[in-house]
């Protein structure tokens, strides 16, 4: 190797050393800027951990009794009408929808007929449901936050009696009354039957 080659190799080495020195200086400067920025953002890790722990403590325990699920959003979006009741709501998922509130009066009429025919005090049914409330709520895959205890118990009674009365009148016309709009005119029972297939 002649002197010219030695000089060239030395020159390349110095150039490489300068480049590495520049890169290291840049990285060090960035690290210092980042560290300096972090000094101005106080993060209390204990407070953050306590906050997250508090959320974990309030998680609703999962039940083995869970058997009622909401249809997954992607599937529901493809054909919303296939998964959304049009006339009547059974249970809490569609309970608050204003377009289904009209049927609540018919449900209450069915409850009135049921109580008159069975001659059982409403308090007895409500007490029975109240005693089973936790168990009933555990049947749902998601926690029902938007219904308080009284509203949930009332909903279960009204909906359960509506189902009993509806199917009783569907299969036994002698139980239908003259003022029954569901089985009278127009015949709403076909649309209601379709909704009940969703529940």
C-alpha atoms as a PDB file:
ATOM      1  CA  UNK A   1       0.000   0.000   0.000  1.00  0.00           C
ATOM      2  CA  UNK A   2       1.553   3.348  -1.092  1.00  0.00           C
ATOM      3  CA  UNK A   3       1.432   6.689   0.693  1.00  0.00           C
ATOM      4  CA  UNK A   4      -1.471   7.934  -1.411  1.00  0.00           C
ATOM      5  CA  UNK A   5      -3.631   4.954  -0.416  1.00  0.00           C
ATOM      6  CA  UNK A   6      -2.662   5.427   3.247  1.00  0.00           C
ATOM      7  CA  UNK A   7      -3.681   9.081   3.095  1.00  0.00           C
ATOM      8  CA  UNK A   8      -6.968   8.175   1.455  1.00  0.00           C
ATOM      9  CA  UNK A   9      -7.760   5.538   4.111  1.00  0.00           C
ATOM     10  CA  UNK A  10      -6.845   7.984   6.879  1.00  0.00           C
ATOM     11  CA  UNK A  11      -9.017  10.637   5.315  1.00  0.00           C
ATOM     12  CA  UNK A  12     -11.995   8.230   5.106  1.00  0.00           C
ATOM     13  CA  UNK A  13     -11.527   7.184   8.730  1.00  0.00           C
ATOM     14  CA  UNK A  14     -11.474  10.791   9.916  1.00  0.00           C
ATOM     15  CA  UNK A  15     -14.556  11.546   7.853  1.00  0.00           C
ATOM     16  CA  UNK A  16     -16.372   8.534   9.369  1.00  0.00           C
ATOM     17  CA  UNK A  17     -15.288   9.557  12.885  1.00  0.00           C
ATOM     18  CA  UNK A  18     -16.604  13.100  12.321  1.00  0.00           C
ATOM     19  CA  UNK A  19     -19.938  11.701  11.076  1.00  0.00           C
ATOM     20  CA  UNK A  20     -20.296   9.447  14.115  1.00  0.00           C
ATOM     21  CA  UNK A  21     -19.403  12.309  16.412  1.00  0.00           C
ATOM     22  CA  UNK A  22     -22.085  14.498  14.770  1.00  0.00           C
ATOM     23  CA  UNK A  23     -24.705  11.731  15.055  1.00  0.00           C
ATOM     24  CA  UNK A  24     -23.879  11.121  18.740  1.00  0.00           C
ATOM     25  CA  UNK A  25     -23.983  14.837  19.504  1.00  0.00           C
ATOM     26  CA  UNK A  26     -27.417  15.117  17.815  1.00  0.00           C
ATOM     27  CA  UNK A  27     -28.791  12.133  19.713  1.00  0.00           C
ATOM     28  CA  UNK A  28     -27.454  13.478  23.006  1.00  0.00           C
ATOM     29  CA  UNK A  29     -28.983  16.885  22.317  1.00  0.00           C
ATOM     30  CA  UNK A  30     -32.389  15.294  21.505  1.00  0.00           C
ATOM     31  CA  UNK A  31     -32.263  13.199  24.684  1.00  0.00           C
ATOM     32  CA  UNK A  32     -31.470  16.288  26.735  1.00  0.00           C
ATOM     33  CA  UNK A  33     -34.336  18.253  25.143  1.00  0.00           C
ATOM     34  CA  UNK A  34     -36.726  15.323  25.807  1.00  0.00           C
ATOM     35  CA  UNK A  35     -35.545  15.059  29.413  1.00  0.00           C
ATOM     36  CA  UNK A  36     -35.947  18.807  29.829  1.00  0.00           C
ATOM     37  CA  UNK A  37     -39.513  18.652  28.433  1.00  0.00           C
ATOM     38  CA  UNK A  38     -40.411  15.835  30.842  1.00  0.00           C
ATOM     39  CA  UNK A  39     -39.280  17.953  33.771  1.00  0.00           C
ATOM     40  CA  UNK A  40     -42.154  20.335  32.994  1.00  0.00           C
ATOM     41  CA  UNK A  41     -44.828  17.569  32.800  1.00  0.00           C
ATOM     42  CA  UNK A  42     -45.344  16.310  36.354  1.00  0.00           C
ATOM     43  CA  UNK A  43     -46.797  12.808  36.316  1.00  0.00           C
ATOM     44  CA  UNK A  44     -47.828  11.343  39.636  1.00  0.00           C
ATOM     45  CA  UNK A  45     -47.618   7.623  38.916  1.00  0.00           C
ATOM     46  CA  UNK A  46     -49.082   6.741  42.324  1.00  0.00           C
ATOM     47  CA  UNK A  47     -52.135   8.872  41.628  1.00  0.00           C
ATOM     48  CA  UNK A  48     -52.504   7.355  38.147  1.00  0.00           C
ATOM     49  CA  UNK A  49     -52.189   3.824  39.555  1.00  0.00           C
ATOM     50  CA  UNK A  50     -54.762   4.576  42.284  1.00  0.00           C
ATOM     51  CA  UNK A  51     -57.189   5.947  39.701  1.00  0.00           C
ATOM     52  CA  UNK A  52     -56.886   2.847  37.512  1.00  0.00           C
ATOM     53  CA  UNK A  53     -57.122   0.540  40.553  1.00  0.00           C
ATOM     54  CA  UNK A  54     -60.351   2.280  41.554  1.00  0.00           C
ATOM     55  CA  UNK A  55     -61.826   1.530  38.130  1.00  0.00           C
ATOM     56  CA  UNK A  56     -60.781  -2.115  38.407  1.00  0.00           C
ATOM     57  CA  UNK A  57     -62.492  -2.418  41.797  1.00  0.00           C
ATOM     58  CA  UNK A  58     -65.822  -1.216  40.370  1.00  0.00           C
ATOM     59  CA  UNK A  59     -65.910  -3.758  37.525  1.00  0.00           C
ATOM     60  CA  UNK A  60     -69.147  -5.749  37.540  1.00  0.00           C
ATOM     61  CA  UNK A  61     -68.364  -9.434  38.234  1.00  0.00           C
ATOM     62  CA  UNK A  62     -69.019 -11.689  35.250  1.00  0.00           C
ATOM     63  CA  UNK A  63     -71.720 -14.275  35.796  1.00  0.00           C
ATOM     64  CA  UNK A  64     -71.924 -17.845  34.580  1.00  0.00           C
ATOM     65  CA  UNK A  65     -75.661 -17.250  34.130  1.00  0.00           C
ATOM     66  CA  UNK A  66     -75.051 -14.860  31.213  1.00  0.00           C
ATOM     67  CA  UNK A  67     -77.254 -15.895  28.277  1.00  0.00           C
ATOM     68  CA  UNK A  68     -78.582 -12.671  26.707  1.00  0.00           C
ATOM     69  CA  UNK A  69     -76.290 -10.867  24.281  1.00  0.00           C
ATOM     70  CA  UNK A  70     -76.670  -7.834  22.051  1.00  0.00           C
ATOM     71  CA  UNK A  71     -76.114  -8.535  18.349  1.00  0.00           C
ATOM     72  CA  UNK A  72     -72.621  -7.352  17.365  1.00  0.00           C
ATOM     73  CA  UNK A  73     -72.519  -3.846  15.845  1.00  0.00           C
ATOM     74  CA  UNK A  74     -70.967  -4.850  12.468  1.00  0.00           C
ATOM     75  CA  UNK A  75     -73.723  -7.391  11.843  1.00  0.00           C
ATOM     76  CA  UNK A  76     -76.440  -5.008  13.067  1.00  0.00           C
ATOM     77  CA  UNK A  77     -75.199  -2.274  10.699  1.00  0.00           C
ATOM     78  CA  UNK A  78     -75.623  -4.501   7.645  1.00  0.00           C
ATOM     79  CA  UNK A  79     -79.389  -4.881   8.189  1.00  0.00           C
ATOM     80  CA  UNK A  80     -80.534  -2.753  11.155  1.00  0.00           C
ATOM     81  CA  UNK A  81     -84.217  -3.636  10.696  1.00  0.00           C
ATOM     82  CA  UNK A  82     -83.403  -7.346  11.031  1.00  0.00           C
ATOM     83  CA  UNK A  83     -82.139  -6.767  14.564  1.00  0.00           C
ATOM     84  CA  UNK A  84     -84.239  -3.832  15.775  1.00  0.00           C
ATOM     85  CA  UNK A  85     -87.840  -4.236  16.974  1.00  0.00           C
ATOM     86  CA  UNK A  86     -90.373  -2.113  15.083  1.00  0.00           C
ATOM     87  CA  UNK A  87     -93.405  -2.384  17.389  1.00  0.00           C
ATOM     88  CA  UNK A  88     -92.584  -3.739  20.829  1.00  0.00           C
ATOM     89  CA  UNK A  89     -89.584  -3.872  23.123  1.00  0.00           C
ATOM     90  CA  UNK A  90     -88.953  -6.813  25.435  1.00  0.00           C
ATOM     91  CA  UNK A  91     -86.160  -6.327  27.936  1.00  0.00           C
ATOM     92  CA  UNK A  92     -83.796  -3.415  28.495  1.00  0.00           C
ATOM     93  CA  UNK A  93     -81.895  -3.170  25.191  1.00  0.00           C
ATOM     94  CA  UNK A  94     -84.568  -1.188  23.330  1.00  0.00           C
ATOM     95  CA  UNK A  95     -86.617  -0.125  26.341  1.00  0.00           C
ATOM     96  CA  UNK A  96     -85.837   3.596  26.085  1.00  0.00           C
ATOM     97  CA  UNK A  97     -86.567   3.970  22.361  1.00  0.00           C
ATOM     98  CA  UNK A  98     -89.376   6.535  21.967  1.00  0.00           C
ATOM     99  CA  UNK A  99     -90.790   4.868  18.833  1.00  0.00           C
ATOM    100  CA  UNK A 100     -91.618   1.755  20.887  1.00  0.00           C
ATOM    101  CA  UNK A 101     -93.279   3.581  23.798  1.00  0.00           C
ATOM    102  CA  UNK A 102     -96.751   3.426  22.206  1.00  0.00           C
ATOM    103  CA  UNK A 103     -96.881  -0.311  22.881  1.00  0.00           C
ATOM    104  CA  UNK A 104     -96.287   0.202  26.620  1.00  0.00           C
ATOM    105  CA  UNK A 105     -99.961   1.079  27.128  1.00  0.00           C
ATOM    106  CA  UNK A 106    -101.012  -2.209  25.478  1.00  0.00           C
ATOM    107  CA  UNK A 107     -98.584  -4.089  27.720  1.00  0.00           C
ATOM    108  CA  UNK A 108    -100.156  -2.467  30.772  1.00  0.00           C
ATOM    109  CA  UNK A 109    -103.659  -3.419  29.573  1.00  0.00           C
ATOM    110  CA  UNK A 110    -102.496  -7.013  29.285  1.00  0.00           C
ATOM    111  CA  UNK A 111    -101.083  -6.796  32.822  1.00  0.00           C
ATOM    112  CA  UNK A 112    -104.421  -5.510  34.106  1.00  0.00           C
ATOM    113  CA  UNK A 113    -106.304  -8.413  32.467  1.00  0.00           C
ATOM    114  CA  UNK A 114    -103.768 -10.909  33.768  1.00  0.00           C
ATOM    115  CA  UNK A 115    -104.082  -9.666  37.360  1.00  0.00           C
ATOM    116  CA  UNK A 116    -107.882  -9.680  37.179  1.00  0.00           C
ATOM    117  CA  UNK A 117    -107.983 -13.206  35.781  1.00  0.00           C
ATOM    118  CA  UNK A 118    -105.382 -14.719  38.128  1.00  0.00           C
ATOM    119  CA  UNK A 119    -106.587 -12.747  41.182  1.00  0.00           C
ATOM    120  CA  UNK A 120    -103.004 -12.506  42.429  1.00  0.00           C
ATOM    121  CA  UNK A 121    -101.849  -9.296  44.084  1.00  0.00           C
ATOM    122  CA  UNK A 122     -99.344  -7.325  41.987  1.00  0.00           C
ATOM    123  CA  UNK A 123     -97.149  -6.827  45.067  1.00  0.00           C
ATOM    124  CA  UNK A 124     -96.539 -10.548  45.205  1.00  0.00           C
ATOM    125  CA  UNK A 125     -95.191 -10.618  41.636  1.00  0.00           C
ATOM    126  CA  UNK A 126     -93.078  -7.506  42.170  1.00  0.00           C
ATOM    127  CA  UNK A 127     -91.582  -8.952  45.371  1.00  0.00           C
ATOM    128  CA  UNK A 128     -90.729 -12.202  43.586  1.00  0.00           C
ATOM    129  CA  UNK A 129     -88.967 -10.314  40.785  1.00  0.00           C
ATOM    130  CA  UNK A 130     -87.195  -7.983  43.220  1.00  0.00           C
ATOM    131  CA  UNK A 131     -85.810 -11.008  45.074  1.00  0.00           C
ATOM    132  CA  UNK A 132     -84.416 -12.343  41.768  1.00  0.00           C
ATOM    133  CA  UNK A 133     -83.242  -8.974  40.399  1.00  0.00           C
ATOM    134  CA  UNK A 134     -79.501  -9.612  40.725  1.00  0.00           C
ATOM    135  CA  UNK A 135     -79.883 -13.021  39.120  1.00  0.00           C
ATOM    136  CA  UNK A 136     -81.966 -11.567  36.276  1.00  0.00           C
ATOM    137  CA  UNK A 137     -79.466  -8.775  35.632  1.00  0.00           C
ATOM    138  CA  UNK A 138     -76.667 -11.356  35.520  1.00  0.00           C
ATOM    139  CA  UNK A 139     -78.379 -12.978  32.532  1.00  0.00           C
ATOM    140  CA  UNK A 140     -77.312 -10.006  30.385  1.00  0.00           C
ATOM    141  CA  UNK A 141     -73.846  -9.914  28.824  1.00  0.00           C
ATOM    142  CA  UNK A 142     -73.577  -6.193  29.558  1.00  0.00           C
ATOM    143  CA  UNK A 143     -74.369  -4.275  32.710  1.00  0.00           C
ATOM    144  CA  UNK A 144     -77.759  -2.513  32.550  1.00  0.00           C
ATOM    145  CA  UNK A 145     -76.809   0.935  33.846  1.00  0.00           C
ATOM    146  CA  UNK A 146     -79.722   2.978  32.514  1.00  0.00           C
ATOM    147  CA  UNK A 147     -82.452   1.252  34.554  1.00  0.00           C
ATOM    148  CA  UNK A 148     -82.714   1.676  38.309  1.00  0.00           C
ATOM    149  CA  UNK A 149     -84.016  -1.132  40.493  1.00  0.00           C
ATOM    150  CA  UNK A 150     -87.698  -0.089  40.515  1.00  0.00           C
ATOM    151  CA  UNK A 151     -87.762   0.520  36.773  1.00  0.00           C
ATOM    152  CA  UNK A 152     -86.022  -2.785  36.034  1.00  0.00           C
ATOM    153  CA  UNK A 153     -88.399  -4.782  38.266  1.00  0.00           C
ATOM    154  CA  UNK A 154     -91.437  -3.069  36.713  1.00  0.00           C
ATOM    155  CA  UNK A 155     -90.116  -3.714  33.195  1.00  0.00           C
ATOM    156  CA  UNK A 156     -89.600  -7.417  33.928  1.00  0.00           C
ATOM    157  CA  UNK A 157     -93.142  -7.817  35.292  1.00  0.00           C
ATOM    158  CA  UNK A 158     -94.829  -5.913  32.459  1.00  0.00           C
ATOM    159  CA  UNK A 159     -92.782  -7.645  29.747  1.00  0.00           C
ATOM    160  CA  UNK A 160     -93.160 -11.143  31.228  1.00  0.00           C
ATOM    161  CA  UNK A 161     -96.935 -10.797  31.572  1.00  0.00           C
ATOM    162  CA  UNK A 162     -97.169  -9.327  28.072  1.00  0.00           C
ATOM    163  CA  UNK A 163     -95.434 -12.409  26.648  1.00  0.00           C
ATOM    164  CA  UNK A 164     -97.734 -14.761  28.590  1.00  0.00           C
ATOM    165  CA  UNK A 165    -100.864 -12.885  27.522  1.00  0.00           C
ATOM    166  CA  UNK A 166     -99.743 -12.463  23.921  1.00  0.00           C
ATOM    167  CA  UNK A 167     -99.093 -16.173  23.375  1.00  0.00           C
ATOM    168  CA  UNK A 168    -102.189 -17.151  25.344  1.00  0.00           C
ATOM    169  CA  UNK A 169    -104.365 -14.956  23.094  1.00  0.00           C
ATOM    170  CA  UNK A 170    -102.451 -16.005  19.992  1.00  0.00           C
ATOM    171  CA  UNK A 171    -103.160 -19.711  20.532  1.00  0.00           C
ATOM    172  CA  UNK A 172    -106.438 -19.386  22.485  1.00  0.00           C
ATOM    173  CA  UNK A 173    -108.713 -16.750  20.870  1.00  0.00           C
ATOM    174  CA  UNK A 174    -111.260 -17.126  23.702  1.00  0.00           C
ATOM    175  CA  UNK A 175    -108.900 -15.077  25.906  1.00  0.00           C
ATOM    176  CA  UNK A 176    -109.026 -12.098  23.556  1.00  0.00           C
ATOM    177  CA  UNK A 177    -111.115  -9.115  24.589  1.00  0.00           C
ATOM    178  CA  UNK A 178    -113.248  -6.835  22.430  1.00  0.00           C
ATOM    179  CA  UNK A 179    -110.956  -3.869  23.030  1.00  0.00           C
ATOM    180  CA  UNK A 180    -107.771  -5.809  22.188  1.00  0.00           C
ATOM    181  CA  UNK A 181    -106.076  -3.668  19.539  1.00  0.00           C
ATOM    182  CA  UNK A 182    -103.295  -6.172  19.025  1.00  0.00           C
ATOM    183  CA  UNK A 183    -105.594  -8.953  17.822  1.00  0.00           C
ATOM    184  CA  UNK A 184    -108.364  -6.622  16.629  1.00  0.00           C
ATOM    185  CA  UNK A 185    -108.198  -4.318  13.630  1.00  0.00           C
ATOM    186  CA  UNK A 186    -105.657  -3.619  12.308  1.00  0.00           C
ATOM    187  CA  UNK A 187    -104.073  -6.932  13.144  1.00  0.00           C
ATOM    188  CA  UNK A 188    -100.853  -5.927  14.858  1.00  0.00           C
ATOM    189  CA  UNK A 189    -100.031  -9.367  16.168  1.00  0.00           C
ATOM    190  CA  UNK A 190     -98.126 -10.338  12.999  1.00  0.00           C
ATOM    191  CA  UNK A 191     -95.721  -7.416  13.383  1.00  0.00           C
ATOM    192  CA  UNK A 192     -95.374  -8.048  17.112  1.00  0.00           C
ATOM    193  CA  UNK A 193     -94.690 -11.726  16.498  1.00  0.00           C
ATOM    194  CA  UNK A 194     -91.810 -10.726  14.187  1.00  0.00           C
ATOM    195  CA  UNK A 195     -90.392  -8.442  16.897  1.00  0.00           C
ATOM    196  CA  UNK A 196     -90.614 -11.203  19.486  1.00  0.00           C
ATOM    197  CA  UNK A 197     -88.418 -13.393  17.311  1.00  0.00           C
ATOM    198  CA  UNK A 198     -85.636 -10.850  17.911  1.00  0.00           C
ATOM    199  CA  UNK A 199     -85.734 -11.256  21.711  1.00  0.00           C
END
